[in-house]
Amino acid sequence: MASLPFRVRDSHAGPPALVNARGTDGIVIGELPKPIAGRRNLQISICNLAAEAGVAGSREKVLQALLLNLMVNDIEQAEEILTAYLRLHADYVPQFV
């Protein structure tokens, strides 16, 4: 069984594994370096906020998730992205209308 000592509570990740004729053998790995663990934790936070936003129809939580993304530079940019996304995908996200 593979070990994921760095797993964040309430998150799920597939550990590295070897696949062969006998099946799958998980690879035990140690702690992630802090910078990598930090980036992973950031992505988990973004995904959690996005999921909560989708369930609640919360525009504010979507904006928070967008602003956590390192590729989004400011709140105006995040609002433009969100407005465009909701307009393009309105049929799939009626909770935001």
N, C-alpha and C. Protein backbone atom coordinates (compact mmCIF):
# COMPACT_ATOMS: atom_id res chain seq x y z
N MET A 1 0.85 -1.18 0.00
CA MET A 1 0.00 0.00 0.00
C MET A 1 0.89 1.24 0.00
N ALA A 2 0.57 2.19 -0.84
CA ALA A 2 1.37 3.42 -0.92
C ALA A 2 1.07 4.33 0.25
N SER A 3 2.04 5.12 0.59
CA SER A 3 1.91 6.05 1.71
C SER A 3 1.88 7.48 1.18
N LEU A 4 0.93 8.26 1.68
CA LEU A 4 0.85 9.67 1.31
C LEU A 4 0.88 10.51 2.59
N PRO A 5 2.05 10.67 3.20
CA PRO A 5 2.11 11.38 4.48
C PRO A 5 1.76 12.85 4.35
N PHE A 6 1.79 13.39 3.15
CA PHE A 6 1.54 14.80 2.93
C PHE A 6 0.09 15.09 2.55
N ARG A 7 -0.77 14.07 2.57
CA ARG A 7 -2.15 14.24 2.12
C ARG A 7 -2.88 15.25 2.99
N VAL A 8 -3.58 16.16 2.33
CA VAL A 8 -4.38 17.15 3.03
C VAL A 8 -5.71 16.53 3.39
N ARG A 9 -6.18 16.79 4.59
CA ARG A 9 -7.45 16.24 5.04
C ARG A 9 -8.55 16.63 4.05
N ASP A 10 -9.43 15.69 3.78
CA ASP A 10 -10.56 15.87 2.85
C ASP A 10 -10.12 16.10 1.41
N SER A 11 -8.92 15.72 1.05
CA SER A 11 -8.50 15.78 -0.34
C SER A 11 -8.13 14.37 -0.77
N HIS A 12 -8.12 14.16 -2.06
CA HIS A 12 -7.81 12.83 -2.58
C HIS A 12 -6.77 12.95 -3.67
N ALA A 13 -5.82 12.04 -3.63
CA ALA A 13 -4.78 12.02 -4.65
C ALA A 13 -4.37 10.57 -4.87
N GLY A 14 -4.07 10.26 -6.09
CA GLY A 14 -3.58 8.93 -6.40
C GLY A 14 -2.08 8.91 -6.22
N PRO A 15 -1.57 7.98 -5.42
CA PRO A 15 -0.12 7.91 -5.22
C PRO A 15 0.54 7.34 -6.46
N PRO A 16 1.84 7.57 -6.61
CA PRO A 16 2.54 6.93 -7.71
C PRO A 16 2.50 5.41 -7.54
N ALA A 17 2.50 4.71 -8.64
CA ALA A 17 2.39 3.25 -8.57
C ALA A 17 3.10 2.60 -9.75
N LEU A 18 3.42 1.35 -9.55
CA LEU A 18 3.92 0.50 -10.63
C LEU A 18 2.80 -0.44 -11.03
N VAL A 19 2.60 -0.57 -12.32
CA VAL A 19 1.56 -1.46 -12.83
C VAL A 19 2.26 -2.59 -13.57
N ASN A 20 1.89 -3.81 -13.21
CA ASN A 20 2.50 -4.96 -13.86
C ASN A 20 1.46 -6.07 -13.98
N ALA A 21 1.88 -7.24 -14.38
CA ALA A 21 0.96 -8.36 -14.59
C ALA A 21 0.22 -8.76 -13.31
N ARG A 22 0.80 -8.49 -12.16
CA ARG A 22 0.16 -8.84 -10.88
C ARG A 22 -0.87 -7.80 -10.44
N GLY A 23 -0.82 -6.65 -11.06
CA GLY A 23 -1.74 -5.58 -10.65
C GLY A 23 -1.00 -4.28 -10.43
N THR A 24 -1.41 -3.57 -9.41
CA THR A 24 -0.84 -2.26 -9.11
C THR A 24 -0.15 -2.30 -7.75
N ASP A 25 1.07 -1.81 -7.69
CA ASP A 25 1.81 -1.71 -6.44
C ASP A 25 2.12 -0.24 -6.18
N GLY A 26 1.53 0.30 -5.11
CA GLY A 26 1.80 1.68 -4.75
C GLY A 26 3.24 1.87 -4.32
N ILE A 27 3.76 3.04 -4.57
CA ILE A 27 5.13 3.38 -4.20
C ILE A 27 5.09 4.27 -2.96
N VAL A 28 5.82 3.88 -1.93
CA VAL A 28 5.89 4.69 -0.72
C VAL A 28 6.79 5.88 -0.99
N ILE A 29 6.27 7.06 -0.72
CA ILE A 29 7.07 8.28 -0.89
C ILE A 29 7.06 9.06 0.41
N GLY A 30 8.05 9.86 0.58
CA GLY A 30 8.17 10.64 1.81
C GLY A 30 7.48 11.99 1.68
N GLU A 31 7.86 12.86 2.57
CA GLU A 31 7.30 14.20 2.58
C GLU A 31 7.66 14.95 1.30
N LEU A 32 6.72 15.75 0.82
CA LEU A 32 7.02 16.62 -0.31
C LEU A 32 7.87 17.79 0.16
N PRO A 33 8.73 18.31 -0.68
CA PRO A 33 9.43 19.54 -0.32
C PRO A 33 8.39 20.65 -0.06
N LYS A 34 8.67 21.52 0.88
CA LYS A 34 7.69 22.53 1.28
C LYS A 34 7.16 23.37 0.12
N PRO A 35 8.00 23.82 -0.83
CA PRO A 35 7.44 24.61 -1.93
C PRO A 35 6.42 23.82 -2.78
N ILE A 36 6.70 22.54 -2.99
CA ILE A 36 5.78 21.71 -3.78
C ILE A 36 4.52 21.44 -2.99
N ALA A 37 4.65 21.14 -1.70
CA ALA A 37 3.47 20.92 -0.85
C ALA A 37 2.62 22.19 -0.79
N GLY A 38 3.26 23.34 -0.74
CA GLY A 38 2.52 24.60 -0.72
C GLY A 38 1.71 24.81 -1.99
N ARG A 39 2.31 24.55 -3.14
CA ARG A 39 1.58 24.68 -4.41
C ARG A 39 0.43 23.69 -4.48
N ARG A 40 0.68 22.46 -4.01
CA ARG A 40 -0.38 21.46 -3.99
C ARG A 40 -1.52 21.91 -3.09
N ASN A 41 -1.21 22.45 -1.91
CA ASN A 41 -2.24 22.93 -0.99
C ASN A 41 -3.03 24.08 -1.60
N LEU A 42 -2.35 24.96 -2.33
CA LEU A 42 -3.04 26.06 -3.01
C LEU A 42 -4.04 25.51 -4.02
N GLN A 43 -3.64 24.54 -4.82
CA GLN A 43 -4.55 23.96 -5.81
C GLN A 43 -5.74 23.29 -5.14
N ILE A 44 -5.51 22.63 -4.02
CA ILE A 44 -6.61 22.01 -3.28
C ILE A 44 -7.58 23.08 -2.80
N SER A 45 -7.07 24.20 -2.31
CA SER A 45 -7.92 25.29 -1.84
C SER A 45 -8.75 25.86 -2.99
N ILE A 46 -8.12 26.02 -4.15
CA ILE A 46 -8.84 26.53 -5.33
C ILE A 46 -9.95 25.57 -5.72
N CYS A 47 -9.65 24.29 -5.75
CA CYS A 47 -10.67 23.29 -6.12
C CYS A 47 -11.81 23.25 -5.10
N ASN A 48 -11.48 23.31 -3.82
CA ASN A 48 -12.52 23.31 -2.80
C ASN A 48 -13.43 24.52 -2.91
N LEU A 49 -12.84 25.71 -3.11
CA LEU A 49 -13.65 26.91 -3.26
C LEU A 49 -14.53 26.82 -4.50
N ALA A 50 -13.98 26.33 -5.59
CA ALA A 50 -14.76 26.21 -6.83
C ALA A 50 -15.92 25.24 -6.64
N ALA A 51 -15.69 24.13 -5.96
CA ALA A 51 -16.76 23.17 -5.71
C ALA A 51 -17.84 23.77 -4.81
N GLU A 52 -17.42 24.45 -3.73
CA GLU A 52 -18.38 25.10 -2.84
C GLU A 52 -19.18 26.16 -3.61
N ALA A 53 -18.52 26.90 -4.47
CA ALA A 53 -19.19 27.93 -5.27
C ALA A 53 -20.24 27.31 -6.18
N GLY A 54 -19.88 26.21 -6.81
CA GLY A 54 -20.83 25.55 -7.71
C GLY A 54 -22.06 25.04 -6.99
N VAL A 55 -21.87 24.46 -5.82
CA VAL A 55 -23.00 23.93 -5.05
C VAL A 55 -23.89 25.07 -4.57
N ALA A 56 -23.27 26.15 -4.08
CA ALA A 56 -24.03 27.25 -3.49
C ALA A 56 -24.45 28.31 -4.50
N GLY A 57 -23.89 28.26 -5.71
CA GLY A 57 -24.15 29.32 -6.67
C GLY A 57 -23.56 30.64 -6.20
N SER A 58 -22.39 30.57 -5.55
CA SER A 58 -21.77 31.75 -4.95
C SER A 58 -20.75 32.39 -5.88
N ARG A 59 -21.13 33.52 -6.43
CA ARG A 59 -20.21 34.28 -7.29
C ARG A 59 -18.98 34.72 -6.48
N GLU A 60 -19.17 35.07 -5.21
CA GLU A 60 -18.06 35.51 -4.36
C GLU A 60 -17.01 34.42 -4.20
N LYS A 61 -17.45 33.17 -4.01
CA LYS A 61 -16.48 32.07 -3.86
C LYS A 61 -15.75 31.78 -5.16
N VAL A 62 -16.44 31.93 -6.29
CA VAL A 62 -15.75 31.74 -7.56
C VAL A 62 -14.66 32.80 -7.71
N LEU A 63 -14.99 34.05 -7.37
CA LEU A 63 -13.99 35.11 -7.45
C LEU A 63 -12.81 34.82 -6.53
N GLN A 64 -13.08 34.31 -5.34
CA GLN A 64 -11.99 33.95 -4.43
C GLN A 64 -11.10 32.88 -5.06
N ALA A 65 -11.72 31.87 -5.65
CA ALA A 65 -10.95 30.81 -6.29
C ALA A 65 -10.11 31.35 -7.45
N LEU A 66 -10.70 32.22 -8.25
CA LEU A 66 -9.96 32.82 -9.36
C LEU A 66 -8.79 33.66 -8.86
N LEU A 67 -9.01 34.41 -7.79
CA LEU A 67 -7.95 35.27 -7.27
C LEU A 67 -6.81 34.48 -6.61
N LEU A 68 -7.09 33.26 -6.19
CA LEU A 68 -6.02 32.40 -5.67
C LEU A 68 -5.14 31.85 -6.79
N ASN A 69 -5.70 31.80 -8.00
CA ASN A 69 -4.94 31.29 -9.14
C ASN A 69 -3.79 32.24 -9.45
N LEU A 70 -2.60 31.71 -9.54
CA LEU A 70 -1.42 32.54 -9.77
C LEU A 70 -1.39 33.20 -11.15
N MET A 71 -2.25 32.76 -12.05
CA MET A 71 -2.30 33.36 -13.39
C MET A 71 -3.25 34.55 -13.46
N VAL A 72 -4.05 34.78 -12.43
CA VAL A 72 -4.99 35.90 -12.41
C VAL A 72 -4.33 37.02 -11.62
N ASN A 73 -4.21 38.18 -12.25
CA ASN A 73 -3.42 39.26 -11.67
C ASN A 73 -4.18 40.24 -10.78
N ASP A 74 -5.48 40.41 -10.99
CA ASP A 74 -6.21 41.38 -10.18
C ASP A 74 -7.70 41.07 -10.20
N ILE A 75 -8.44 41.77 -9.34
CA ILE A 75 -9.86 41.48 -9.19
C ILE A 75 -10.66 41.81 -10.45
N GLU A 76 -10.27 42.87 -11.15
CA GLU A 76 -10.99 43.21 -12.38
C GLU A 76 -10.84 42.10 -13.41
N GLN A 77 -9.64 41.56 -13.51
CA GLN A 77 -9.41 40.45 -14.44
C GLN A 77 -10.25 39.24 -14.03
N ALA A 78 -10.29 38.94 -12.73
CA ALA A 78 -11.09 37.81 -12.25
C ALA A 78 -12.57 38.02 -12.55
N GLU A 79 -13.06 39.22 -12.35
CA GLU A 79 -14.48 39.51 -12.65
C GLU A 79 -14.78 39.37 -14.13
N GLU A 80 -13.85 39.82 -14.99
CA GLU A 80 -14.04 39.67 -16.44
C GLU A 80 -14.07 38.19 -16.84
N ILE A 81 -13.16 37.41 -16.28
CA ILE A 81 -13.13 35.97 -16.57
C ILE A 81 -14.44 35.32 -16.13
N LEU A 82 -14.88 35.64 -14.92
CA LEU A 82 -16.11 35.04 -14.40
C LEU A 82 -17.32 35.44 -15.23
N THR A 83 -17.45 36.71 -15.55
CA THR A 83 -18.59 37.18 -16.35
C THR A 83 -18.62 36.48 -17.71
N ALA A 84 -17.46 36.38 -18.36
CA ALA A 84 -17.39 35.71 -19.67
C ALA A 84 -17.74 34.24 -19.54
N TYR A 85 -17.21 33.58 -18.52
CA TYR A 85 -17.47 32.16 -18.32
C TYR A 85 -18.96 31.91 -18.09
N LEU A 86 -19.56 32.69 -17.20
CA LEU A 86 -20.98 32.48 -16.89
C LEU A 86 -21.86 32.77 -18.09
N ARG A 87 -21.48 33.74 -18.90
CA ARG A 87 -22.25 34.04 -20.11
C ARG A 87 -22.15 32.88 -21.10
N LEU A 88 -20.94 32.37 -21.30
CA LEU A 88 -20.73 31.28 -22.26
C LEU A 88 -21.34 29.95 -21.81
N HIS A 89 -21.39 29.72 -20.51
CA HIS A 89 -21.81 28.42 -19.99
C HIS A 89 -23.09 28.49 -19.15
N ALA A 90 -23.90 29.50 -19.41
CA ALA A 90 -25.11 29.73 -18.60
C ALA A 90 -26.01 28.50 -18.54
N ASP A 91 -26.09 27.74 -19.62
CA ASP A 91 -26.96 26.55 -19.63
C ASP A 91 -26.47 25.48 -18.65
N TYR A 92 -25.18 25.48 -18.34
CA TYR A 92 -24.61 24.46 -17.48
C TYR A 92 -24.45 24.89 -16.02
N VAL A 93 -24.60 26.17 -15.77
CA VAL A 93 -24.45 26.69 -14.40
C VAL A 93 -25.63 27.60 -14.03
N PRO A 94 -26.84 27.05 -14.09
CA PRO A 94 -28.02 27.89 -13.84
C PRO A 94 -28.08 28.45 -12.43
N GLN A 95 -27.36 27.86 -11.50
CA GLN A 95 -27.37 28.36 -10.13
C GLN A 95 -26.75 29.75 -10.01
N PHE A 96 -26.03 30.19 -11.03
CA PHE A 96 -25.41 31.53 -11.01
C PHE A 96 -26.23 32.58 -11.72
N VAL A 97 -27.32 32.18 -12.33
CA VAL A 97 -28.14 33.15 -13.10
C VAL A 97 -29.09 33.89 -12.19
